[in-house]
Amino acid sequence: ALRLANRLETDRVLDFVQFSEKINITKM
């Protein structure tokens, strides 16, 4: 759900991975 929400926030986001509340990696 988090990955989908972040991909829906902008059409430029290709993928999203959450490692913790402070560490996230986005491919865009």
mmCIF file of all heavy atoms, coordinates in Angstrom:
data_MODEL
# 
_entry.id   MODEL 
# 
loop_
_atom_site.group_PDB 
_atom_site.id 
_atom_site.type_symbol 
_atom_site.label_atom_id 
_atom_site.label_alt_id 
_atom_site.label_comp_id 
_atom_site.label_asym_id 
_atom_site.label_entity_id 
_atom_site.label_seq_id 
_atom_site.pdbx_PDB_ins_code 
_atom_site.Cartn_x 
_atom_site.Cartn_y 
_atom_site.Cartn_z 
_atom_site.occupancy 
_atom_site.B_iso_or_equiv 
_atom_site.pdbx_formal_charge 
_atom_site.auth_seq_id 
_atom_site.auth_comp_id 
_atom_site.auth_asym_id 
_atom_site.auth_atom_id 
_atom_site.pdbx_PDB_model_num 
ATOM 1   N N   . ALA A 1 1  ? 0.829  -1.201 0.000   1.00 0.00 ? 1  ALA A N   1 
ATOM 2   C CA  . ALA A 1 1  ? 0.000  0.000  0.000   1.00 0.00 ? 1  ALA A CA  1 
ATOM 3   C C   . ALA A 1 1  ? 0.867  1.255  0.000   1.00 0.00 ? 1  ALA A C   1 
ATOM 4   O O   . ALA A 1 1  ? 0.575  2.232  -0.708  1.00 0.00 ? 1  ALA A O   1 
ATOM 5   C CB  . ALA A 1 1  ? -0.933 -0.011 1.215   1.00 0.00 ? 1  ALA A CB  1 
ATOM 6   N N   . LEU A 1 2  ? 1.941  1.239  0.803   1.00 0.00 ? 2  LEU A N   1 
ATOM 7   C CA  . LEU A 1 2  ? 2.850  2.381  0.836   1.00 0.00 ? 2  LEU A CA  1 
ATOM 8   C C   . LEU A 1 2  ? 3.506  2.612  -0.515  1.00 0.00 ? 2  LEU A C   1 
ATOM 9   O O   . LEU A 1 2  ? 3.616  3.746  -0.990  1.00 0.00 ? 2  LEU A O   1 
ATOM 10  C CB  . LEU A 1 2  ? 3.930  2.162  1.902   1.00 0.00 ? 2  LEU A CB  1 
ATOM 11  C CG  . LEU A 1 2  ? 3.518  2.379  3.360   1.00 0.00 ? 2  LEU A CG  1 
ATOM 12  C CD1 . LEU A 1 2  ? 4.617  1.898  4.291   1.00 0.00 ? 2  LEU A CD1 1 
ATOM 13  C CD2 . LEU A 1 2  ? 3.204  3.843  3.611   1.00 0.00 ? 2  LEU A CD2 1 
ATOM 14  N N   . ARG A 1 3  ? 3.924  1.528  -1.156  1.00 0.00 ? 3  ARG A N   1 
ATOM 15  C CA  . ARG A 1 3  ? 4.579  1.654  -2.454  1.00 0.00 ? 3  ARG A CA  1 
ATOM 16  C C   . ARG A 1 3  ? 3.604  2.197  -3.495  1.00 0.00 ? 3  ARG A C   1 
ATOM 17  O O   . ARG A 1 3  ? 3.951  3.070  -4.299  1.00 0.00 ? 3  ARG A O   1 
ATOM 18  C CB  . ARG A 1 3  ? 5.136  0.310  -2.899  1.00 0.00 ? 3  ARG A CB  1 
ATOM 19  C CG  . ARG A 1 3  ? 6.269  -0.184 -2.029  1.00 0.00 ? 3  ARG A CG  1 
ATOM 20  C CD  . ARG A 1 3  ? 6.777  -1.535 -2.454  1.00 0.00 ? 3  ARG A CD  1 
ATOM 21  N NE  . ARG A 1 3  ? 7.566  -1.459 -3.684  1.00 0.00 ? 3  ARG A NE  1 
ATOM 22  C CZ  . ARG A 1 3  ? 8.212  -2.484 -4.202  1.00 0.00 ? 3  ARG A CZ  1 
ATOM 23  N NH1 . ARG A 1 3  ? 8.154  -3.665 -3.616  1.00 0.00 ? 3  ARG A NH1 1 
ATOM 24  N NH2 . ARG A 1 3  ? 8.919  -2.340 -5.302  1.00 0.00 ? 3  ARG A NH2 1 
ATOM 25  N N   . LEU A 1 4  ? 2.364  1.700  -3.469  1.00 0.00 ? 4  LEU A N   1 
ATOM 26  C CA  . LEU A 1 4  ? 1.376  2.174  -4.429  1.00 0.00 ? 4  LEU A CA  1 
ATOM 27  C C   . LEU A 1 4  ? 1.037  3.630  -4.183  1.00 0.00 ? 4  LEU A C   1 
ATOM 28  O O   . LEU A 1 4  ? 0.955  4.432  -5.118  1.00 0.00 ? 4  LEU A O   1 
ATOM 29  C CB  . LEU A 1 4  ? 0.112  1.313  -4.334  1.00 0.00 ? 4  LEU A CB  1 
ATOM 30  C CG  . LEU A 1 4  ? -1.048 1.736  -5.246  1.00 0.00 ? 4  LEU A CG  1 
ATOM 31  C CD1 . LEU A 1 4  ? -0.610 1.712  -6.708  1.00 0.00 ? 4  LEU A CD1 1 
ATOM 32  C CD2 . LEU A 1 4  ? -2.247 0.830  -5.042  1.00 0.00 ? 4  LEU A CD2 1 
ATOM 33  N N   . ALA A 1 5  ? 0.863  4.002  -2.906  1.00 0.00 ? 5  ALA A N   1 
ATOM 34  C CA  . ALA A 1 5  ? 0.529  5.391  -2.580  1.00 0.00 ? 5  ALA A CA  1 
ATOM 35  C C   . ALA A 1 5  ? 1.605  6.346  -3.058  1.00 0.00 ? 5  ALA A C   1 
ATOM 36  O O   . ALA A 1 5  ? 1.316  7.406  -3.616  1.00 0.00 ? 5  ALA A O   1 
ATOM 37  C CB  . ALA A 1 5  ? 0.328  5.537  -1.070  1.00 0.00 ? 5  ALA A CB  1 
ATOM 38  N N   . ASN A 1 6  ? 2.859  5.955  -2.851  1.00 0.00 ? 6  ASN A N   1 
ATOM 39  C CA  . ASN A 1 6  ? 3.951  6.820  -3.282  1.00 0.00 ? 6  ASN A CA  1 
ATOM 40  C C   . ASN A 1 6  ? 4.073  6.881  -4.798  1.00 0.00 ? 6  ASN A C   1 
ATOM 41  O O   . ASN A 1 6  ? 4.467  7.909  -5.349  1.00 0.00 ? 6  ASN A O   1 
ATOM 42  C CB  . ASN A 1 6  ? 5.269  6.347  -2.655  1.00 0.00 ? 6  ASN A CB  1 
ATOM 43  C CG  . ASN A 1 6  ? 5.417  6.816  -1.230  1.00 0.00 ? 6  ASN A CG  1 
ATOM 44  O OD1 . ASN A 1 6  ? 5.930  7.895  -0.971  1.00 0.00 ? 6  ASN A OD1 1 
ATOM 45  N ND2 . ASN A 1 6  ? 4.922  6.022  -0.298  1.00 0.00 ? 6  ASN A ND2 1 
ATOM 46  N N   . ARG A 1 7  ? 3.725  5.799  -5.480  1.00 0.00 ? 7  ARG A N   1 
ATOM 47  C CA  . ARG A 1 7  ? 3.757  5.832  -6.942  1.00 0.00 ? 7  ARG A CA  1 
ATOM 48  C C   . ARG A 1 7  ? 2.621  6.676  -7.494  1.00 0.00 ? 7  ARG A C   1 
ATOM 49  O O   . ARG A 1 7  ? 2.743  7.295  -8.547  1.00 0.00 ? 7  ARG A O   1 
ATOM 50  C CB  . ARG A 1 7  ? 3.680  4.414  -7.496  1.00 0.00 ? 7  ARG A CB  1 
ATOM 51  C CG  . ARG A 1 7  ? 4.926  3.597  -7.232  1.00 0.00 ? 7  ARG A CG  1 
ATOM 52  C CD  . ARG A 1 7  ? 4.836  2.212  -7.775  1.00 0.00 ? 7  ARG A CD  1 
ATOM 53  N NE  . ARG A 1 7  ? 4.851  2.206  -9.227  1.00 0.00 ? 7  ARG A NE  1 
ATOM 54  C CZ  . ARG A 1 7  ? 4.894  1.094  -9.961  1.00 0.00 ? 7  ARG A CZ  1 
ATOM 55  N NH1 . ARG A 1 7  ? 4.921  -0.084 -9.375  1.00 0.00 ? 7  ARG A NH1 1 
ATOM 56  N NH2 . ARG A 1 7  ? 4.907  1.169  -11.274 1.00 0.00 ? 7  ARG A NH2 1 
ATOM 57  N N   . LEU A 1 8  ? 1.488  6.728  -6.755  1.00 0.00 ? 8  LEU A N   1 
ATOM 58  C CA  . LEU A 1 8  ? 0.352  7.513  -7.206  1.00 0.00 ? 8  LEU A CA  1 
ATOM 59  C C   . LEU A 1 8  ? 0.535  9.006  -6.941  1.00 0.00 ? 8  LEU A C   1 
ATOM 60  O O   . LEU A 1 8  ? -0.097 9.833  -7.592  1.00 0.00 ? 8  LEU A O   1 
ATOM 61  C CB  . LEU A 1 8  ? -0.932 7.029  -6.511  1.00 0.00 ? 8  LEU A CB  1 
ATOM 62  C CG  . LEU A 1 8  ? -1.420 5.634  -6.907  1.00 0.00 ? 8  LEU A CG  1 
ATOM 63  C CD1 . LEU A 1 8  ? -2.620 5.245  -6.058  1.00 0.00 ? 8  LEU A CD1 1 
ATOM 64  C CD2 . LEU A 1 8  ? -1.766 5.569  -8.385  1.00 0.00 ? 8  LEU A CD2 1 
ATOM 65  N N   . GLU A 1 9  ? 1.407  9.330  -5.974  1.00 0.00 ? 9  GLU A N   1 
ATOM 66  C CA  . GLU A 1 9  ? 1.620  10.734 -5.635  1.00 0.00 ? 9  GLU A CA  1 
ATOM 67  C C   . GLU A 1 9  ? 2.221  11.508 -6.804  1.00 0.00 ? 9  GLU A C   1 
ATOM 68  O O   . GLU A 1 9  ? 2.009  12.693 -6.961  1.00 0.00 ? 9  GLU A O   1 
ATOM 69  C CB  . GLU A 1 9  ? 2.524  10.852 -4.409  1.00 0.00 ? 9  GLU A CB  1 
ATOM 70  C CG  . GLU A 1 9  ? 1.778  10.554 -3.111  1.00 0.00 ? 9  GLU A CG  1 
ATOM 71  C CD  . GLU A 1 9  ? 2.711  10.517 -1.922  1.00 0.00 ? 9  GLU A CD  1 
ATOM 72  O OE1 . GLU A 1 9  ? 3.931  10.725 -2.100  1.00 0.00 ? 9  GLU A OE1 1 
ATOM 73  O OE2 . GLU A 1 9  ? 2.224  10.269 -0.803  1.00 0.00 ? 9  GLU A OE2 1 
ATOM 74  N N   . THR A 1 10 ? 3.000  10.846 -7.611  1.00 0.00 ? 10 THR A N   1 
ATOM 75  C CA  . THR A 1 10 ? 3.578  11.493 -8.789  1.00 0.00 ? 10 THR A CA  1 
ATOM 76  C C   . THR A 1 10 ? 3.831  10.447 -9.849  1.00 0.00 ? 10 THR A C   1 
ATOM 77  O O   . THR A 1 10 ? 4.300  9.352  -9.554  1.00 0.00 ? 10 THR A O   1 
ATOM 78  C CB  . THR A 1 10 ? 4.900  12.206 -8.465  1.00 0.00 ? 10 THR A CB  1 
ATOM 79  O OG1 . THR A 1 10 ? 5.516  12.604 -9.678  1.00 0.00 ? 10 THR A OG1 1 
ATOM 80  C CG2 . THR A 1 10 ? 5.847  11.329 -7.675  1.00 0.00 ? 10 THR A CG2 1 
ATOM 81  N N   . ASP A 1 11 ? 3.507  10.779 -11.091 1.00 0.00 ? 11 ASP A N   1 
ATOM 82  C CA  . ASP A 1 11 ? 3.696  9.810  -12.173 1.00 0.00 ? 11 ASP A CA  1 
ATOM 83  C C   . ASP A 1 11 ? 5.161  9.628  -12.526 1.00 0.00 ? 11 ASP A C   1 
ATOM 84  O O   . ASP A 1 11 ? 5.506  8.794  -13.359 1.00 0.00 ? 11 ASP A O   1 
ATOM 85  C CB  . ASP A 1 11 ? 2.905  10.216 -13.422 1.00 0.00 ? 11 ASP A CB  1 
ATOM 86  C CG  . ASP A 1 11 ? 3.326  11.583 -13.965 1.00 0.00 ? 11 ASP A CG  1 
ATOM 87  O OD1 . ASP A 1 11 ? 4.276  12.179 -13.424 1.00 0.00 ? 11 ASP A OD1 1 
ATOM 88  O OD2 . ASP A 1 11 ? 2.700  12.045 -14.936 1.00 0.00 ? 11 ASP A OD2 1 
ATOM 89  N N   . ARG A 1 12 ? 6.040  10.398 -11.899 1.00 0.00 ? 12 ARG A N   1 
ATOM 90  C CA  . ARG A 1 12 ? 7.468  10.234 -12.164 1.00 0.00 ? 12 ARG A CA  1 
ATOM 91  C C   . ARG A 1 12 ? 8.105  9.174  -11.281 1.00 0.00 ? 12 ARG A C   1 
ATOM 92  O O   . ARG A 1 12 ? 9.207  8.724  -11.554 1.00 0.00 ? 12 ARG A O   1 
ATOM 93  C CB  . ARG A 1 12 ? 8.211  11.568 -11.963 1.00 0.00 ? 12 ARG A CB  1 
ATOM 94  C CG  . ARG A 1 12 ? 7.898  12.572 -13.060 1.00 0.00 ? 12 ARG A CG  1 
ATOM 95  C CD  . ARG A 1 12 ? 8.822  13.758 -13.037 1.00 0.00 ? 12 ARG A CD  1 
ATOM 96  N NE  . ARG A 1 12 ? 8.635  14.523 -14.259 1.00 0.00 ? 12 ARG A NE  1 
ATOM 97  C CZ  . ARG A 1 12 ? 9.270  14.293 -15.384 1.00 0.00 ? 12 ARG A CZ  1 
ATOM 98  N NH1 . ARG A 1 12 ? 10.141 13.323 -15.454 1.00 0.00 ? 12 ARG A NH1 1 
ATOM 99  N NH2 . ARG A 1 12 ? 9.054  15.030 -16.458 1.00 0.00 ? 12 ARG A NH2 1 
ATOM 100 N N   . VAL A 1 13 ? 7.431  8.773  -10.203 1.00 0.00 ? 13 VAL A N   1 
ATOM 101 C CA  . VAL A 1 13 ? 7.981  7.756  -9.314  1.00 0.00 ? 13 VAL A CA  1 
ATOM 102 C C   . VAL A 1 13 ? 7.786  6.381  -9.936  1.00 0.00 ? 13 VAL A C   1 
ATOM 103 O O   . VAL A 1 13 ? 6.680  5.981  -10.254 1.00 0.00 ? 13 VAL A O   1 
ATOM 104 C CB  . VAL A 1 13 ? 7.307  7.815  -7.924  1.00 0.00 ? 13 VAL A CB  1 
ATOM 105 C CG1 . VAL A 1 13 ? 7.777  6.658  -7.055  1.00 0.00 ? 13 VAL A CG1 1 
ATOM 106 C CG2 . VAL A 1 13 ? 7.625  9.143  -7.251  1.00 0.00 ? 13 VAL A CG2 1 
ATOM 107 N N   . LEU A 1 14 ? 8.888  5.659  -10.121 1.00 0.00 ? 14 LEU A N   1 
ATOM 108 C CA  . LEU A 1 14 ? 8.853  4.341  -10.743 1.00 0.00 ? 14 LEU A CA  1 
ATOM 109 C C   . LEU A 1 14 ? 8.787  3.223  -9.728  1.00 0.00 ? 14 LEU A C   1 
ATOM 110 O O   . LEU A 1 14 ? 8.246  2.156  -9.995  1.00 0.00 ? 14 LEU A O   1 
ATOM 111 C CB  . LEU A 1 14 ? 10.100 4.156  -11.631 1.00 0.00 ? 14 LEU A CB  1 
ATOM 112 C CG  . LEU A 1 14 ? 10.295 5.220  -12.710 1.00 0.00 ? 14 LEU A CG  1 
ATOM 113 C CD1 . LEU A 1 14 ? 11.628 4.996  -13.410 1.00 0.00 ? 14 LEU A CD1 1 
ATOM 114 C CD2 . LEU A 1 14 ? 9.152  5.189  -13.710 1.00 0.00 ? 14 LEU A CD2 1 
ATOM 115 N N   . ASP A 1 15 ? 9.328  3.450  -8.547  1.00 0.00 ? 15 ASP A N   1 
ATOM 116 C CA  . ASP A 1 15 ? 9.275  2.433  -7.504  1.00 0.00 ? 15 ASP A CA  1 
ATOM 117 C C   . ASP A 1 15 ? 9.613  3.078  -6.171  1.00 0.00 ? 15 ASP A C   1 
ATOM 118 O O   . ASP A 1 15 ? 10.204 4.162  -6.117  1.00 0.00 ? 15 ASP A O   1 
ATOM 119 C CB  . ASP A 1 15 ? 10.249 1.294  -7.795  1.00 0.00 ? 15 ASP A CB  1 
ATOM 120 C CG  . ASP A 1 15 ? 9.842  -0.003 -7.109  1.00 0.00 ? 15 ASP A CG  1 
ATOM 121 O OD1 . ASP A 1 15 ? 8.862  0.022  -6.334  1.00 0.00 ? 15 ASP A OD1 1 
ATOM 122 O OD2 . ASP A 1 15 ? 10.496 -1.024 -7.351  1.00 0.00 ? 15 ASP A OD2 1 
ATOM 123 N N   . PHE A 1 16 ? 9.226  2.396  -5.091  1.00 0.00 ? 16 PHE A N   1 
ATOM 124 C CA  . PHE A 1 16 ? 9.433  2.946  -3.750  1.00 0.00 ? 16 PHE A CA  1 
ATOM 125 C C   . PHE A 1 16 ? 9.641  1.786  -2.786  1.00 0.00 ? 16 PHE A C   1 
ATOM 126 O O   . PHE A 1 16 ? 8.911  0.801  -2.815  1.00 0.00 ? 16 PHE A O   1 
ATOM 127 C CB  . PHE A 1 16 ? 8.200  3.759  -3.320  1.00 0.00 ? 16 PHE A CB  1 
ATOM 128 C CG  . PHE A 1 16 ? 8.240  4.239  -1.896  1.00 0.00 ? 16 PHE A CG  1 
ATOM 129 C CD1 . PHE A 1 16 ? 8.899  5.401  -1.566  1.00 0.00 ? 16 PHE A CD1 1 
ATOM 130 C CD2 . PHE A 1 16 ? 7.615  3.517  -0.888  1.00 0.00 ? 16 PHE A CD2 1 
ATOM 131 C CE1 . PHE A 1 16 ? 8.941  5.848  -0.251  1.00 0.00 ? 16 PHE A CE1 1 
ATOM 132 C CE2 . PHE A 1 16 ? 7.648  3.951  0.427   1.00 0.00 ? 16 PHE A CE2 1 
ATOM 133 C CZ  . PHE A 1 16 ? 8.309  5.127  0.744   1.00 0.00 ? 16 PHE A CZ  1 
ATOM 134 N N   . VAL A 1 17 ? 10.663 1.886  -1.946  1.00 0.00 ? 17 VAL A N   1 
ATOM 135 C CA  . VAL A 1 17 ? 10.937 0.861  -0.938  1.00 0.00 ? 17 VAL A CA  1 
ATOM 136 C C   . VAL A 1 17 ? 11.147 1.546  0.396   1.00 0.00 ? 17 VAL A C   1 
ATOM 137 O O   . VAL A 1 17 ? 11.946 2.485  0.508   1.00 0.00 ? 17 VAL A O   1 
ATOM 138 C CB  . VAL A 1 17 ? 12.187 0.030  -1.288  1.00 0.00 ? 17 VAL A CB  1 
ATOM 139 C CG1 . VAL A 1 17 ? 12.471 -0.977 -0.183  1.00 0.00 ? 17 VAL A CG1 1 
ATOM 140 C CG2 . VAL A 1 17 ? 12.000 -0.675 -2.616  1.00 0.00 ? 17 VAL A CG2 1 
ATOM 141 N N   . GLN A 1 18 ? 10.420 1.096  1.426   1.00 0.00 ? 18 GLN A N   1 
ATOM 142 C CA  . GLN A 1 18 ? 10.588 1.658  2.765   1.00 0.00 ? 18 GLN A CA  1 
ATOM 143 C C   . GLN A 1 18 ? 11.364 0.685  3.631   1.00 0.00 ? 18 GLN A C   1 
ATOM 144 O O   . GLN A 1 18 ? 10.957 -0.451 3.835   1.00 0.00 ? 18 GLN A O   1 
ATOM 145 C CB  . GLN A 1 18 ? 9.235  1.946  3.415   1.00 0.00 ? 18 GLN A CB  1 
ATOM 146 C CG  . GLN A 1 18 ? 9.387  2.568  4.804   1.00 0.00 ? 18 GLN A CG  1 
ATOM 147 C CD  . GLN A 1 18 ? 8.057  2.891  5.450   1.00 0.00 ? 18 GLN A CD  1 
ATOM 148 O OE1 . GLN A 1 18 ? 7.122  2.120  5.380   1.00 0.00 ? 18 GLN A OE1 1 
ATOM 149 N NE2 . GLN A 1 18 ? 7.993  4.053  6.083   1.00 0.00 ? 18 GLN A NE2 1 
ATOM 150 N N   . PHE A 1 19 ? 12.529 1.132  4.146   1.00 0.00 ? 19 PHE A N   1 
ATOM 151 C CA  . PHE A 1 19 ? 13.326 0.318  5.042   1.00 0.00 ? 19 PHE A CA  1 
ATOM 152 C C   . PHE A 1 19 ? 12.987 0.624  6.500   1.00 0.00 ? 19 PHE A C   1 
ATOM 153 O O   . PHE A 1 19 ? 13.070 -0.233 7.362   1.00 0.00 ? 19 PHE A O   1 
ATOM 154 C CB  . PHE A 1 19 ? 14.812 0.551  4.790   1.00 0.00 ? 19 PHE A CB  1 
ATOM 155 C CG  . PHE A 1 19 ? 15.273 0.017  3.468   1.00 0.00 ? 19 PHE A CG  1 
ATOM 156 C CD1 . PHE A 1 19 ? 15.415 0.853  2.382   1.00 0.00 ? 19 PHE A CD1 1 
ATOM 157 C CD2 . PHE A 1 19 ? 15.530 -1.334 3.305   1.00 0.00 ? 19 PHE A CD2 1 
ATOM 158 C CE1 . PHE A 1 19 ? 15.828 0.365  1.154   1.00 0.00 ? 19 PHE A CE1 1 
ATOM 159 C CE2 . PHE A 1 19 ? 15.951 -1.835 2.076   1.00 0.00 ? 19 PHE A CE2 1 
ATOM 160 C CZ  . PHE A 1 19 ? 16.098 -0.989 1.005   1.00 0.00 ? 19 PHE A CZ  1 
ATOM 161 N N   . SER A 1 20 ? 12.627 1.877  6.769   1.00 0.00 ? 20 SER A N   1 
ATOM 162 C CA  . SER A 1 20 ? 12.218 2.287  8.108   1.00 0.00 ? 20 SER A CA  1 
ATOM 163 C C   . SER A 1 20 ? 11.503 3.620  7.959   1.00 0.00 ? 20 SER A C   1 
ATOM 164 O O   . SER A 1 20 ? 11.305 4.100  6.837   1.00 0.00 ? 20 SER A O   1 
ATOM 165 C CB  . SER A 1 20 ? 13.442 2.441  9.028   1.00 0.00 ? 20 SER A CB  1 
ATOM 166 O OG  . SER A 1 20 ? 14.207 3.580  8.643   1.00 0.00 ? 20 SER A OG  1 
ATOM 167 N N   . GLU A 1 21 ? 11.086 4.197  9.077   1.00 0.00 ? 21 GLU A N   1 
ATOM 168 C CA  . GLU A 1 21 ? 10.402 5.484  9.008   1.00 0.00 ? 21 GLU A CA  1 
ATOM 169 C C   . GLU A 1 21 ? 11.308 6.573  8.442   1.00 0.00 ? 21 GLU A C   1 
ATOM 170 O O   . GLU A 1 21 ? 10.847 7.531  7.840   1.00 0.00 ? 21 GLU A O   1 
ATOM 171 C CB  . GLU A 1 21 ? 9.920  5.896  10.406  1.00 0.00 ? 21 GLU A CB  1 
ATOM 172 C CG  . GLU A 1 21 ? 8.772  5.059  10.933  1.00 0.00 ? 21 GLU A CG  1 
ATOM 173 C CD  . GLU A 1 21 ? 7.532  5.164  10.075  1.00 0.00 ? 21 GLU A CD  1 
ATOM 174 O OE1 . GLU A 1 21 ? 7.250  6.264  9.591   1.00 0.00 ? 21 GLU A OE1 1 
ATOM 175 O OE2 . GLU A 1 21 ? 6.839  4.149  9.885   1.00 0.00 ? 21 GLU A OE2 1 
ATOM 176 N N   . LYS A 1 22 ? 12.644 6.424  8.631   1.00 0.00 ? 22 LYS A N   1 
ATOM 177 C CA  . LYS A 1 22 ? 13.572 7.467  8.216   1.00 0.00 ? 22 LYS A CA  1 
ATOM 178 C C   . LYS A 1 22 ? 14.329 7.135  6.938   1.00 0.00 ? 22 LYS A C   1 
ATOM 179 O O   . LYS A 1 22 ? 14.949 8.016  6.342   1.00 0.00 ? 22 LYS A O   1 
ATOM 180 C CB  . LYS A 1 22 ? 14.572 7.749  9.343   1.00 0.00 ? 22 LYS A CB  1 
ATOM 181 C CG  . LYS A 1 22 ? 13.930 8.327  10.594  1.00 0.00 ? 22 LYS A CG  1 
ATOM 182 C CD  . LYS A 1 22 ? 14.978 8.647  11.649  1.00 0.00 ? 22 LYS A CD  1 
ATOM 183 C CE  . LYS A 1 22 ? 14.345 9.264  12.879  1.00 0.00 ? 22 LYS A CE  1 
ATOM 184 N NZ  . LYS A 1 22 ? 15.350 9.599  13.916  1.00 0.00 ? 22 LYS A NZ  1 
ATOM 185 N N   . ILE A 1 23 ? 14.305 5.871  6.547   1.00 0.00 ? 23 ILE A N   1 
ATOM 186 C CA  . ILE A 1 23 ? 15.081 5.471  5.377   1.00 0.00 ? 23 ILE A CA  1 
ATOM 187 C C   . ILE A 1 23 ? 14.157 4.909  4.315   1.00 0.00 ? 23 ILE A C   1 
ATOM 188 O O   . ILE A 1 23 ? 13.527 3.871  4.507   1.00 0.00 ? 23 ILE A O   1 
ATOM 189 C CB  . ILE A 1 23 ? 16.154 4.426  5.736   1.00 0.00 ? 23 ILE A CB  1 
ATOM 190 C CG1 . ILE A 1 23 ? 17.073 4.961  6.844   1.00 0.00 ? 23 ILE A CG1 1 
ATOM 191 C CG2 . ILE A 1 23 ? 16.970 4.070  4.497   1.00 0.00 ? 23 ILE A CG2 1 
ATOM 192 C CD1 . ILE A 1 23 ? 18.076 3.954  7.343   1.00 0.00 ? 23 ILE A CD1 1 
ATOM 193 N N   . ASN A 1 24 ? 14.056 5.618  3.209   1.00 0.00 ? 24 ASN A N   1 
ATOM 194 C CA  . ASN A 1 24 ? 13.247 5.202  2.072   1.00 0.00 ? 24 ASN A CA  1 
ATOM 195 C C   . ASN A 1 24 ? 14.063 5.395  0.807   1.00 0.00 ? 24 ASN A C   1 
ATOM 196 O O   . ASN A 1 24 ? 14.891 6.308  0.723   1.00 0.00 ? 24 ASN A O   1 
ATOM 197 C CB  . ASN A 1 24 ? 11.970 6.037  1.964   1.00 0.00 ? 24 ASN A CB  1 
ATOM 198 C CG  . ASN A 1 24 ? 11.156 6.005  3.241   1.00 0.00 ? 24 ASN A CG  1 
ATOM 199 O OD1 . ASN A 1 24 ? 10.292 5.175  3.413   1.00 0.00 ? 24 ASN A OD1 1 
ATOM 200 N ND2 . ASN A 1 24 ? 11.440 6.953  4.150   1.00 0.00 ? 24 ASN A ND2 1 
ATOM 201 N N   . ILE A 1 25 ? 13.840 4.558  -0.176  1.00 0.00 ? 25 ILE A N   1 
ATOM 202 C CA  . ILE A 1 25 ? 14.517 4.714  -1.464  1.00 0.00 ? 25 ILE A CA  1 
ATOM 203 C C   . ILE A 1 25 ? 13.467 4.796  -2.564  1.00 0.00 ? 25 ILE A C   1 
ATOM 204 O O   . ILE A 1 25 ? 12.559 3.961  -2.633  1.00 0.00 ? 25 ILE A O   1 
ATOM 205 C CB  . ILE A 1 25 ? 15.486 3.555  -1.739  1.00 0.00 ? 25 ILE A CB  1 
ATOM 206 C CG1 . ILE A 1 25 ? 16.640 3.570  -0.734  1.00 0.00 ? 25 ILE A CG1 1 
ATOM 207 C CG2 . ILE A 1 25 ? 16.036 3.635  -3.164  1.00 0.00 ? 25 ILE A CG2 1 
ATOM 208 C CD1 . ILE A 1 25 ? 17.642 2.461  -0.909  1.00 0.00 ? 25 ILE A CD1 1 
ATOM 209 N N   . THR A 1 26 ? 13.586 5.815  -3.378  1.00 0.00 ? 26 THR A N   1 
ATOM 210 C CA  . THR A 1 26 ? 12.668 6.022  -4.493  1.00 0.00 ? 26 THR A CA  1 
ATOM 211 C C   . THR A 1 26 ? 13.435 6.030  -5.808  1.00 0.00 ? 26 THR A C   1 
ATOM 212 O O   . THR A 1 26 ? 14.514 6.616  -5.903  1.00 0.00 ? 26 THR A O   1 
ATOM 213 C CB  . THR A 1 26 ? 11.912 7.355  -4.340  1.00 0.00 ? 26 THR A CB  1 
ATOM 214 O OG1 . THR A 1 26 ? 10.994 7.249  -3.267  1.00 0.00 ? 26 THR A OG1 1 
ATOM 215 C CG2 . THR A 1 26 ? 11.132 7.696  -5.589  1.00 0.00 ? 26 THR A CG2 1 
ATOM 216 N N   . LYS A 1 27 ? 12.857 5.364  -6.799  1.00 0.00 ? 27 LYS A N   1 
ATOM 217 C CA  . LYS A 1 27 ? 13.383 5.399  -8.155  1.00 0.00 ? 27 LYS A CA  1 
ATOM 218 C C   . LYS A 1 27 ? 12.435 6.258  -8.977  1.00 0.00 ? 27 LYS A C   1 
ATOM 219 O O   . LYS A 1 27 ? 11.236 5.985  -9.022  1.00 0.00 ? 27 LYS A O   1 
ATOM 220 C CB  . LYS A 1 27 ? 13.441 3.975  -8.720  1.00 0.00 ? 27 LYS A CB  1 
ATOM 221 C CG  . LYS A 1 27 ? 13.884 3.879  -10.172 1.00 0.00 ? 27 LYS A CG  1 
ATOM 222 C CD  . LYS A 1 27 ? 13.843 2.427  -10.640 1.00 0.00 ? 27 LYS A CD  1 
ATOM 223 C CE  . LYS A 1 27 ? 14.233 2.298  -12.103 1.00 0.00 ? 27 LYS A CE  1 
ATOM 224 N NZ  . LYS A 1 27 ? 14.127 0.884  -12.577 1.00 0.00 ? 27 LYS A NZ  1 
ATOM 225 N N   . MET A 1 28 ? 12.962 7.314  -9.587  1.00 0.00 ? 28 MET A N   1 
ATOM 226 C CA  . MET A 1 28 ? 12.071 8.241  -10.282 1.00 0.00 ? 28 MET A CA  1 
ATOM 227 C C   . MET A 1 28 ? 12.745 8.876  -11.502 1.00 0.00 ? 28 MET A C   1 
ATOM 228 O O   . MET A 1 28 ? 13.963 8.960  -11.589 1.00 0.00 ? 28 MET A O   1 
ATOM 229 C CB  . MET A 1 28 ? 11.619 9.347  -9.336  1.00 0.00 ? 28 MET A CB  1 
ATOM 230 C CG  . MET A 1 28 ? 12.746 10.255 -8.846  1.00 0.00 ? 28 MET A CG  1 
ATOM 231 S SD  . MET A 1 28 ? 12.167 11.546 -7.710  1.00 0.00 ? 28 MET A SD  1 
ATOM 232 C CE  . MET A 1 28 ? 11.100 12.476 -8.800  1.00 0.00 ? 28 MET A CE  1 
# 
